């Protein structure tokens, strides 16, 4: 498992049947980033969210 400290990934299930999964990245409990794509499965949401955390950890997500 990848060390994502200080970030945590939260997978949010669809709010309605047929809707998409979402993810949220938190740092010390505070929302840092939320998904903006339609993700059709929990696995795809996890994969996409982890890719974003990797960018944040590498400094590519710095603004």
PDB file of N, CA and C in Angstrom:
ATOM      1  N   UNK A   1       0.839  -1.190   0.000  1.00  0.00           N
ATOM      2  CA  UNK A   1       0.000   0.000   0.000  1.00  0.00           C
ATOM      3  C   UNK A   1       0.879   1.248   0.000  1.00  0.00           C
ATOM      4  N   UNK A   2       0.467   2.228  -0.751  1.00  0.00           N
ATOM      5  CA  UNK A   2       1.211   3.474  -0.877  1.00  0.00           C
ATOM      6  C   UNK A   2       0.981   4.354   0.345  1.00  0.00           C
ATOM      7  N   UNK A   3       2.055   4.963   0.833  1.00  0.00           N
ATOM      8  CA  UNK A   3       1.937   5.910   1.934  1.00  0.00           C
ATOM      9  C   UNK A   3       1.425   7.227   1.369  1.00  0.00           C
ATOM     10  N   UNK A   4       0.249   7.636   1.800  1.00  0.00           N
ATOM     11  CA  UNK A   4      -0.365   8.858   1.282  1.00  0.00           C
ATOM     12  C   UNK A   4      -0.354   9.986   2.309  1.00  0.00           C
ATOM     13  N   UNK A   5       0.325   9.785   3.423  1.00  0.00           N
ATOM     14  CA  UNK A   5       0.373  10.807   4.479  1.00  0.00           C
ATOM     15  C   UNK A   5       0.884  12.122   3.913  1.00  0.00           C
ATOM     16  N   UNK A   6       0.302  13.242   4.128  1.00  0.00           N
ATOM     17  CA  UNK A   6      -0.771  13.558   5.073  1.00  0.00           C
ATOM     18  C   UNK A   6      -2.174  13.511   4.463  1.00  0.00           C
ATOM     19  N   UNK A   7      -2.308  12.923   3.290  1.00  0.00           N
ATOM     20  CA  UNK A   7      -3.596  12.909   2.596  1.00  0.00           C
ATOM     21  C   UNK A   7      -4.358  11.617   2.849  1.00  0.00           C
ATOM     22  N   UNK A   8      -5.693  11.711   2.845  1.00  0.00           N
ATOM     23  CA  UNK A   8      -6.547  10.537   2.904  1.00  0.00           C
ATOM     24  C   UNK A   8      -7.537  10.618   1.753  1.00  0.00           C
ATOM     25  N   UNK A   9      -7.891   9.461   1.239  1.00  0.00           N
ATOM     26  CA  UNK A   9      -8.829   9.371   0.116  1.00  0.00           C
ATOM     27  C   UNK A   9     -10.148   8.819   0.623  1.00  0.00           C
ATOM     28  N   UNK A  10     -11.217   9.524   0.323  1.00  0.00           N
ATOM     29  CA  UNK A  10     -12.553   9.111   0.707  1.00  0.00           C
ATOM     30  C   UNK A  10     -13.336   8.837  -0.576  1.00  0.00           C
ATOM     31  N   UNK A  11     -13.876   7.621  -0.701  1.00  0.00           N
ATOM     32  CA  UNK A  11     -14.698   7.276  -1.861  1.00  0.00           C
ATOM     33  C   UNK A  11     -16.159   7.496  -1.483  1.00  0.00           C
ATOM     34  N   UNK A  12     -16.847   8.278  -2.296  1.00  0.00           N
ATOM     35  CA  UNK A  12     -18.246   8.619  -2.032  1.00  0.00           C
ATOM     36  C   UNK A  12     -19.142   7.838  -2.984  1.00  0.00           C
ATOM     37  N   UNK A  13     -20.054   7.031  -2.454  1.00  0.00           N
ATOM     38  CA  UNK A  13     -20.938   6.243  -3.317  1.00  0.00           C
ATOM     39  C   UNK A  13     -21.936   7.135  -4.060  1.00  0.00           C
ATOM     40  N   UNK A  14     -22.526   6.604  -5.113  1.00  0.00           N
ATOM     41  CA  UNK A  14     -23.520   7.396  -5.860  1.00  0.00           C
ATOM     42  C   UNK A  14     -24.686   7.789  -4.957  1.00  0.00           C
ATOM     43  N   UNK A  15     -25.197   8.989  -5.174  1.00  0.00           N
ATOM     44  CA  UNK A  15     -26.329   9.465  -4.382  1.00  0.00           C
ATOM     45  C   UNK A  15     -27.648   8.886  -4.885  1.00  0.00           C
ATOM     46  N   UNK A  16     -27.659   8.430  -6.119  1.00  0.00           N
ATOM     47  CA  UNK A  16     -28.856   7.838  -6.705  1.00  0.00           C
ATOM     48  C   UNK A  16     -28.442   6.668  -7.598  1.00  0.00           C
ATOM     49  N   UNK A  17     -29.343   5.740  -7.794  1.00  0.00           N
ATOM     50  CA  UNK A  17     -29.044   4.595  -8.654  1.00  0.00           C
ATOM     51  C   UNK A  17     -28.693   5.075 -10.057  1.00  0.00           C
ATOM     52  N   UNK A  18     -27.606   4.563 -10.603  1.00  0.00           N
ATOM     53  CA  UNK A  18     -27.167   4.959 -11.935  1.00  0.00           C
ATOM     54  C   UNK A  18     -26.266   6.185 -11.940  1.00  0.00           C
ATOM     55  N   UNK A  19     -26.099   6.824 -10.789  1.00  0.00           N
ATOM     56  CA  UNK A  19     -25.224   7.999 -10.701  1.00  0.00           C
ATOM     57  C   UNK A  19     -23.772   7.532 -10.583  1.00  0.00           C
ATOM     58  N   UNK A  20     -22.859   8.478 -10.587  1.00  0.00           N
ATOM     59  CA  UNK A  20     -21.436   8.136 -10.587  1.00  0.00           C
ATOM     60  C   UNK A  20     -20.837   8.203  -9.187  1.00  0.00           C
ATOM     61  N   UNK A  21     -19.708   7.501  -9.030  1.00  0.00           N
ATOM     62  CA  UNK A  21     -18.924   7.574  -7.802  1.00  0.00           C
ATOM     63  C   UNK A  21     -18.113   8.859  -7.816  1.00  0.00           C
ATOM     64  N   UNK A  22     -17.774   9.335  -6.651  1.00  0.00           N
ATOM     65  CA  UNK A  22     -16.944  10.523  -6.487  1.00  0.00           C
ATOM     66  C   UNK A  22     -15.849  10.189  -5.486  1.00  0.00           C
ATOM     67  N   UNK A  23     -14.824  11.015  -5.422  1.00  0.00           N
ATOM     68  CA  UNK A  23     -13.816  10.878  -4.375  1.00  0.00           C
ATOM     69  C   UNK A  23     -13.521  12.250  -3.810  1.00  0.00           C
ATOM     70  N   UNK A  24     -12.977  12.241  -2.596  1.00  0.00           N
ATOM     71  CA  UNK A  24     -12.557  13.479  -1.946  1.00  0.00           C
ATOM     72  C   UNK A  24     -11.200  13.213  -1.308  1.00  0.00           C
ATOM     73  N   UNK A  25     -10.287  14.158  -1.460  1.00  0.00           N
ATOM     74  CA  UNK A  25      -8.964  14.069  -0.832  1.00  0.00           C
ATOM     75  C   UNK A  25      -8.955  15.051   0.326  1.00  0.00           C
ATOM     76  N   UNK A  26      -8.557  14.544   1.486  1.00  0.00           N
ATOM     77  CA  UNK A  26      -8.503  15.374   2.687  1.00  0.00           C
ATOM     78  C   UNK A  26      -7.084  15.402   3.237  1.00  0.00           C
ATOM     79  N   UNK A  27      -6.743  16.516   3.832  1.00  0.00           N
ATOM     80  CA  UNK A  27      -5.451  16.687   4.501  1.00  0.00           C
ATOM     81  C   UNK A  27      -5.777  17.145   5.911  1.00  0.00           C
ATOM     82  N   UNK A  28      -5.440  16.295   6.881  1.00  0.00           N
ATOM     83  CA  UNK A  28      -5.776  16.566   8.289  1.00  0.00           C
ATOM     84  C   UNK A  28      -7.275  16.814   8.448  1.00  0.00           C
ATOM     85  N   UNK A  29      -8.086  16.069   7.698  1.00  0.00           N
ATOM     86  CA  UNK A  29      -9.538  16.171   7.789  1.00  0.00           C
ATOM     87  C   UNK A  29     -10.161  17.275   6.961  1.00  0.00           C
ATOM     88  N   UNK A  30      -9.349  18.163   6.416  1.00  0.00           N
ATOM     89  CA  UNK A  30      -9.863  19.295   5.639  1.00  0.00           C
ATOM     90  C   UNK A  30      -9.878  18.942   4.151  1.00  0.00           C
ATOM     91  N   UNK A  31     -10.986  19.237   3.485  1.00  0.00           N
ATOM     92  CA  UNK A  31     -11.118  18.943   2.054  1.00  0.00           C
ATOM     93  C   UNK A  31     -10.077  19.713   1.256  1.00  0.00           C
ATOM     94  N   UNK A  32      -9.322  18.977   0.431  1.00  0.00           N
ATOM     95  CA  UNK A  32      -8.295  19.583  -0.414  1.00  0.00           C
ATOM     96  C   UNK A  32      -8.751  19.581  -1.872  1.00  0.00           C
ATOM     97  N   UNK A  33      -9.338  18.471  -2.288  1.00  0.00           N
ATOM     98  CA  UNK A  33      -9.720  18.326  -3.694  1.00  0.00           C
ATOM     99  C   UNK A  33     -10.866  17.336  -3.798  1.00  0.00           C
ATOM    100  N   UNK A  34     -11.740  17.542  -4.785  1.00  0.00           N
ATOM    101  CA  UNK A  34     -12.874  16.653  -5.028  1.00  0.00           C
ATOM    102  C   UNK A  34     -12.870  16.270  -6.507  1.00  0.00           C
ATOM    103  N   UNK A  35     -13.350  15.069  -6.789  1.00  0.00           N
ATOM    104  CA  UNK A  35     -13.365  14.613  -8.180  1.00  0.00           C
ATOM    105  C   UNK A  35     -14.284  15.470  -9.031  1.00  0.00           C
ATOM    106  N   UNK A  36     -13.920  15.589 -10.301  1.00  0.00           N
ATOM    107  CA  UNK A  36     -14.744  16.349 -11.231  1.00  0.00           C
ATOM    108  C   UNK A  36     -15.115  15.502 -12.448  1.00  0.00           C
ATOM    109  N   UNK A  37     -14.875  14.193 -12.338  1.00  0.00           N
ATOM    110  CA  UNK A  37     -15.179  13.282 -13.446  1.00  0.00           C
ATOM    111  C   UNK A  37     -16.304  12.338 -13.070  1.00  0.00           C
ATOM    112  N   UNK A  38     -16.934  11.767 -14.082  1.00  0.00           N
ATOM    113  CA  UNK A  38     -17.919  10.727 -13.882  1.00  0.00           C
ATOM    114  C   UNK A  38     -17.165   9.405 -13.770  1.00  0.00           C
ATOM    115  N   UNK A  39     -17.236   8.782 -12.606  1.00  0.00           N
ATOM    116  CA  UNK A  39     -16.526   7.534 -12.359  1.00  0.00           C
ATOM    117  C   UNK A  39     -17.559   6.435 -12.149  1.00  0.00           C
ATOM    118  N   UNK A  40     -17.506   5.421 -13.009  1.00  0.00           N
ATOM    119  CA  UNK A  40     -18.569   4.423 -13.071  1.00  0.00           C
ATOM    120  C   UNK A  40     -18.481   3.324 -12.018  1.00  0.00           C
ATOM    121  N   UNK A  41     -17.344   3.225 -11.319  1.00  0.00           N
ATOM    122  CA  UNK A  41     -17.220   2.183 -10.303  1.00  0.00           C
ATOM    123  C   UNK A  41     -16.388   2.683  -9.128  1.00  0.00           C
ATOM    124  N   UNK A  42     -16.513   1.982  -8.007  1.00  0.00           N
ATOM    125  CA  UNK A  42     -15.722   2.320  -6.831  1.00  0.00           C
ATOM    126  C   UNK A  42     -14.233   2.152  -7.129  1.00  0.00           C
ATOM    127  N   UNK A  43     -13.897   1.096  -7.883  1.00  0.00           N
ATOM    128  CA  UNK A  43     -12.492   0.839  -8.233  1.00  0.00           C
ATOM    129  C   UNK A  43     -11.921   1.970  -9.083  1.00  0.00           C
ATOM    130  N   UNK A  44     -12.682   2.451 -10.055  1.00  0.00           N
ATOM    131  CA  UNK A  44     -12.209   3.557 -10.900  1.00  0.00           C
ATOM    132  C   UNK A  44     -12.063   4.835 -10.081  1.00  0.00           C
ATOM    133  N   UNK A  45     -12.983   5.072  -9.145  1.00  0.00           N
ATOM    134  CA  UNK A  45     -12.893   6.246  -8.285  1.00  0.00           C
ATOM    135  C   UNK A  45     -11.633   6.166  -7.425  1.00  0.00           C
ATOM    136  N   UNK A  46     -11.347   4.983  -6.888  1.00  0.00           N
ATOM    137  CA  UNK A  46     -10.157   4.799  -6.058  1.00  0.00           C
ATOM    138  C   UNK A  46      -8.890   5.017  -6.886  1.00  0.00           C
ATOM    139  N   UNK A  47      -8.844   4.427  -8.064  1.00  0.00           N
ATOM    140  CA  UNK A  47      -7.675   4.563  -8.950  1.00  0.00           C
ATOM    141  C   UNK A  47      -7.433   6.029  -9.322  1.00  0.00           C
ATOM    142  N   UNK A  48      -8.490   6.732  -9.684  1.00  0.00           N
ATOM    143  CA  UNK A  48      -8.371   8.132 -10.086  1.00  0.00           C
ATOM    144  C   UNK A  48      -7.967   9.006  -8.898  1.00  0.00           C
ATOM    145  N   UNK A  49      -8.559   8.758  -7.741  1.00  0.00           N
ATOM    146  CA  UNK A  49      -8.220   9.521  -6.546  1.00  0.00           C
ATOM    147  C   UNK A  49      -6.778   9.305  -6.112  1.00  0.00           C
ATOM    148  N   UNK A  50      -6.306   8.059  -6.180  1.00  0.00           N
ATOM    149  CA  UNK A  50      -4.915   7.770  -5.814  1.00  0.00           C
ATOM    150  C   UNK A  50      -3.948   8.451  -6.769  1.00  0.00           C
ATOM    151  N   UNK A  51      -4.294   8.519  -8.043  1.00  0.00           N
ATOM    152  CA  UNK A  51      -3.443   9.205  -9.016  1.00  0.00           C
ATOM    153  C   UNK A  51      -3.330  10.687  -8.657  1.00  0.00           C
ATOM    154  N   UNK A  52      -4.421  11.277  -8.188  1.00  0.00           N
ATOM    155  CA  UNK A  52      -4.389  12.685  -7.790  1.00  0.00           C
ATOM    156  C   UNK A  52      -3.538  12.884  -6.543  1.00  0.00           C
ATOM    157  N   UNK A  53      -3.636  11.948  -5.595  1.00  0.00           N
ATOM    158  CA  UNK A  53      -2.804  12.045  -4.387  1.00  0.00           C
ATOM    159  C   UNK A  53      -1.327  11.939  -4.763  1.00  0.00           C
ATOM    160  N   UNK A  54      -1.000  11.042  -5.681  1.00  0.00           N
ATOM    161  CA  UNK A  54       0.393  10.910  -6.123  1.00  0.00           C
ATOM    162  C   UNK A  54       0.898  12.213  -6.720  1.00  0.00           C
ATOM    163  N   UNK A  55       0.042  12.902  -7.474  1.00  0.00           N
ATOM    164  CA  UNK A  55       0.431  14.211  -8.036  1.00  0.00           C
ATOM    165  C   UNK A  55       0.674  15.223  -6.917  1.00  0.00           C
ATOM    166  N   UNK A  56      -0.215  15.223  -5.910  1.00  0.00           N
ATOM    167  CA  UNK A  56      -0.054  16.143  -4.785  1.00  0.00           C
ATOM    168  C   UNK A  56       1.247  15.848  -4.039  1.00  0.00           C
ATOM    169  N   UNK A  57       1.541  14.572  -3.822  1.00  0.00           N
ATOM    170  CA  UNK A  57       2.761  14.188  -3.082  1.00  0.00           C
ATOM    171  C   UNK A  57       4.028  14.536  -3.860  1.00  0.00           C
ATOM    172  N   UNK A  58       3.951  14.490  -5.195  1.00  0.00           N
ATOM    173  CA  UNK A  58       5.132  14.794  -6.011  1.00  0.00           C
ATOM    174  C   UNK A  58       5.318  16.290  -6.220  1.00  0.00           C
ATOM    175  N   UNK A  59       4.327  17.070  -5.785  1.00  0.00           N
ATOM    176  CA  UNK A  59       4.410  18.519  -5.961  1.00  0.00           C
ATOM    177  C   UNK A  59       3.761  19.005  -7.237  1.00  0.00           C
ATOM    178  N   UNK A  60       3.284  18.093  -8.080  1.00  0.00           N
ATOM    179  CA  UNK A  60       2.656  18.480  -9.339  1.00  0.00           C
ATOM    180  C   UNK A  60       1.304  19.150  -9.119  1.00  0.00           C
ATOM    181  N   UNK A  61       0.700  18.940  -7.942  1.00  0.00           N
ATOM    182  CA  UNK A  61      -0.601  19.525  -7.668  1.00  0.00           C
ATOM    183  C   UNK A  61      -0.508  20.877  -7.015  1.00  0.00           C
ATOM    184  N   UNK A  62       0.709  21.353  -6.745  1.00  0.00           N
ATOM    185  CA  UNK A  62       0.868  22.662  -6.109  1.00  0.00           C
ATOM    186  C   UNK A  62       0.420  23.770  -7.039  1.00  0.00           C
ATOM    187  N   UNK A  63      -0.214  24.753  -6.454  1.00  0.00           N
ATOM    188  CA  UNK A  63      -0.700  25.872  -7.273  1.00  0.00           C
ATOM    189  C   UNK A  63       0.088  27.104  -7.011  1.00  0.00           C
TER     190      UNK A  63
END
